[in-house]
Amino acid sequence: MVKPWYKQFWPWFLISVPVVVMIVCAIIIYLAVTQGNFSMVVDDYYKRGKTINAVIANVQRAQELNISFQFKAADGKLALRYHSGEPEELSALTVNFVHATDEDRDFVRRVTVASDGIYRADIPANVDSKWTVTIEPFDRQWKVSQKYRLPKTEWTLVEPLLYGV
């Protein structure tokens, strides 16, 4: 005698495949709704393009002025000094630290020069990771930016490079 269909393996196997697919789809939809709070679409492409051109112009301006820096970042302290292109009148600088993967760890420091020509600031003690270090004057006329693995205990050169702007 043949067993009824609900006691056989194959009908339940064939029913389980679409049920598993529906469960996985529900999980993906849930994650997209709860975790997907970022926008991959830019509303105004023209405005974004103008901004990118302005940033490139700032880096090119730093290259024209031959501006470069040396910095140390370790043990909760930042030290920064001009390597070349130092202006006659030293003004406040804005130093941005952008973490490679965690936006919550990004921070900005506005630094002023001490009498010895070195800019100093306190930074978080735990900076062990890859960072983009960006230096700009208060008036944003030029920009110097490079990627580094911190901490840096020795003087490290920062030059105005166009890659990774």
Protein backbone atom coordinates (compact mmCIF):
# COMPACT_ATOMS: atom_id res chain seq x y z
CA MET A 1 0.00 0.00 0.00
CA VAL A 2 1.23 3.49 -0.88
CA LYS A 3 1.68 6.01 1.95
CA PRO A 4 -0.42 9.19 1.79
CA TRP A 5 1.31 12.26 0.30
CA TYR A 6 1.79 14.04 3.62
CA LYS A 7 3.85 11.12 4.95
CA GLN A 8 6.28 11.16 2.02
CA PHE A 9 9.57 13.11 1.82
CA TRP A 10 9.39 14.79 -1.62
CA PRO A 11 6.21 16.86 -1.22
CA TRP A 12 7.56 18.40 2.00
CA PHE A 13 10.93 19.03 0.40
CA LEU A 14 9.30 20.80 -2.57
CA ILE A 15 7.12 22.89 -0.22
CA SER A 16 10.08 23.83 1.99
CA VAL A 17 12.15 25.40 -0.82
CA PRO A 18 9.75 28.33 -1.52
CA VAL A 19 9.05 28.73 2.21
CA VAL A 20 12.77 29.11 2.95
CA VAL A 21 13.09 31.61 0.09
CA MET A 22 10.19 33.67 1.51
CA ILE A 23 11.80 33.68 4.98
CA VAL A 24 15.15 34.84 3.57
CA CYS A 25 13.40 37.57 1.54
CA ALA A 26 11.58 38.75 4.67
CA ILE A 27 14.88 38.96 6.57
CA ILE A 28 16.53 40.92 3.74
CA ILE A 29 13.59 43.34 3.53
CA TYR A 30 13.69 43.82 7.32
CA LEU A 31 17.45 44.58 7.21
CA ALA A 32 17.02 46.97 4.29
CA VAL A 33 14.31 48.91 6.10
CA THR A 34 16.01 49.06 9.50
CA GLN A 35 19.69 49.34 8.51
CA GLY A 36 19.54 51.10 5.14
CA ASN A 37 19.44 54.72 6.28
CA PHE A 38 21.93 55.93 3.69
CA SER A 39 21.30 57.43 0.30
CA MET A 40 23.22 56.27 -2.72
CA VAL A 41 21.56 58.82 -5.00
CA VAL A 42 22.78 62.40 -5.21
CA ASP A 43 19.98 64.90 -5.73
CA ASP A 44 21.97 67.60 -7.50
CA TYR A 45 24.74 66.19 -9.69
CA TYR A 46 25.73 69.62 -11.02
CA LYS A 47 26.21 71.06 -7.53
CA ARG A 48 28.19 67.97 -6.47
CA GLY A 49 30.43 68.29 -9.53
CA LYS A 50 31.12 71.95 -8.75
CA THR A 51 32.07 71.00 -5.20
CA ILE A 52 34.51 68.35 -6.44
CA ASN A 53 36.07 70.91 -8.80
CA ALA A 54 36.45 73.38 -5.92
CA VAL A 55 38.20 70.74 -3.80
CA ILE A 56 40.58 69.89 -6.65
CA ALA A 57 41.28 73.60 -7.12
CA ASN A 58 42.17 73.87 -3.40
CA VAL A 59 44.65 70.99 -3.68
CA GLN A 60 46.17 72.51 -6.82
CA ARG A 61 46.50 75.84 -4.98
CA ALA A 62 48.44 74.06 -2.20
CA GLN A 63 50.69 72.51 -4.85
CA GLU A 64 51.32 75.93 -6.42
CA LEU A 65 52.25 77.35 -3.01
CA ASN A 66 54.44 74.27 -2.32
CA ILE A 67 52.70 73.70 1.01
CA SER A 68 53.48 70.53 2.92
CA PHE A 69 53.38 69.55 6.58
CA GLN A 70 54.93 67.13 9.00
CA PHE A 71 52.87 65.67 11.82
CA LYS A 72 52.92 63.26 14.74
CA ALA A 73 49.75 61.72 16.14
CA ALA A 74 50.15 59.37 19.10
CA ASP A 75 49.27 59.02 22.78
CA GLY A 76 46.37 61.46 22.54
CA LYS A 77 48.52 64.29 21.15
CA LEU A 78 48.77 65.88 17.70
CA ALA A 79 51.81 67.93 16.68
CA LEU A 80 51.88 69.61 13.28
CA ARG A 81 54.41 71.89 11.58
CA TYR A 82 55.05 73.33 8.14
CA HIS A 83 57.60 71.40 6.10
CA SER A 84 57.52 73.82 3.16
CA GLY A 85 55.46 76.73 1.90
CA GLU A 86 55.12 78.35 5.32
CA PRO A 87 53.35 81.71 5.02
CA GLU A 88 54.74 84.85 6.64
CA GLU A 89 51.76 85.07 8.95
CA LEU A 90 50.71 81.80 10.56
CA SER A 91 46.96 81.40 11.00
CA ALA A 92 44.69 78.81 12.56
CA LEU A 93 44.37 75.49 10.75
CA THR A 94 41.55 72.96 10.59
CA VAL A 95 42.70 69.34 10.79
CA ASN A 96 40.13 66.68 9.85
CA PHE A 97 40.62 63.04 10.76
CA VAL A 98 38.30 60.80 8.73
CA HIS A 99 38.27 57.13 9.70
CA ALA A 100 38.42 54.64 6.83
CA THR A 101 35.37 52.61 7.91
CA ASP A 102 33.66 54.15 10.97
CA GLU A 103 32.08 57.57 10.52
CA ASP A 104 31.42 57.82 14.27
CA ARG A 105 35.17 57.98 14.93
CA ASP A 106 35.74 61.02 12.65
CA PHE A 107 36.85 64.20 14.42
CA VAL A 108 38.01 67.75 13.63
CA ARG A 109 40.52 69.91 15.47
CA ARG A 110 41.11 73.63 15.00
CA VAL A 111 44.70 74.32 15.92
CA THR A 112 46.69 77.48 16.49
CA VAL A 113 50.44 77.83 16.34
CA ALA A 114 52.63 77.96 19.44
CA SER A 115 55.67 80.20 19.76
CA ASP A 116 57.94 77.40 18.51
CA GLY A 117 56.03 77.16 15.21
CA ILE A 118 54.31 73.87 16.06
CA TYR A 119 50.56 73.41 16.07
CA ARG A 120 49.36 71.17 18.92
CA ALA A 121 46.03 69.61 19.88
CA ASP A 122 44.58 66.79 21.93
CA ILE A 123 43.16 63.87 19.98
CA PRO A 124 41.50 60.61 21.07
CA ALA A 125 44.00 58.22 22.64
CA ASN A 126 42.89 55.25 20.53
CA VAL A 127 43.64 56.17 16.91
CA ASP A 128 45.01 52.77 15.87
CA SER A 129 43.59 52.47 12.37
CA LYS A 130 43.64 53.90 8.86
CA TRP A 131 42.72 57.60 8.62
CA THR A 132 42.56 60.35 6.02
CA VAL A 133 44.26 63.43 7.48
CA THR A 134 43.19 66.72 5.87
CA ILE A 135 44.71 70.11 6.71
CA GLU A 136 43.10 73.38 5.62
CA PRO A 137 43.53 77.00 6.63
CA PHE A 138 40.64 78.76 8.30
CA ASP A 139 39.72 80.52 5.01
CA ARG A 140 39.86 77.22 3.03
CA GLN A 141 42.08 78.65 0.28
CA TRP A 142 44.11 75.43 -0.04
CA LYS A 143 43.94 71.83 1.10
CA VAL A 144 46.49 69.12 1.95
CA SER A 145 45.22 65.56 2.44
CA GLN A 146 46.66 62.04 2.62
CA LYS A 147 45.78 58.62 4.02
CA TYR A 148 47.79 57.19 6.92
CA ARG A 149 47.80 54.34 9.37
CA LEU A 150 47.98 55.92 12.82
CA PRO A 151 49.52 56.32 15.35
CA LYS A 152 52.61 58.09 14.02
CA THR A 153 55.36 58.66 16.58
CA GLU A 154 57.89 60.09 14.09
CA TRP A 155 57.47 63.23 11.99
CA THR A 156 55.50 62.17 8.90
CA LEU A 157 55.20 64.19 5.68
CA VAL A 158 51.78 65.34 4.39
CA GLU A 159 51.78 66.64 0.81
CA PRO A 160 48.98 67.97 -1.42
CA LEU A 161 48.16 65.02 -3.65
CA LEU A 162 45.19 64.85 -6.01
CA TYR A 163 44.49 61.15 -5.56
CA GLY A 164 41.87 60.37 -2.93
CA VAL A 165 40.59 63.97 -2.84
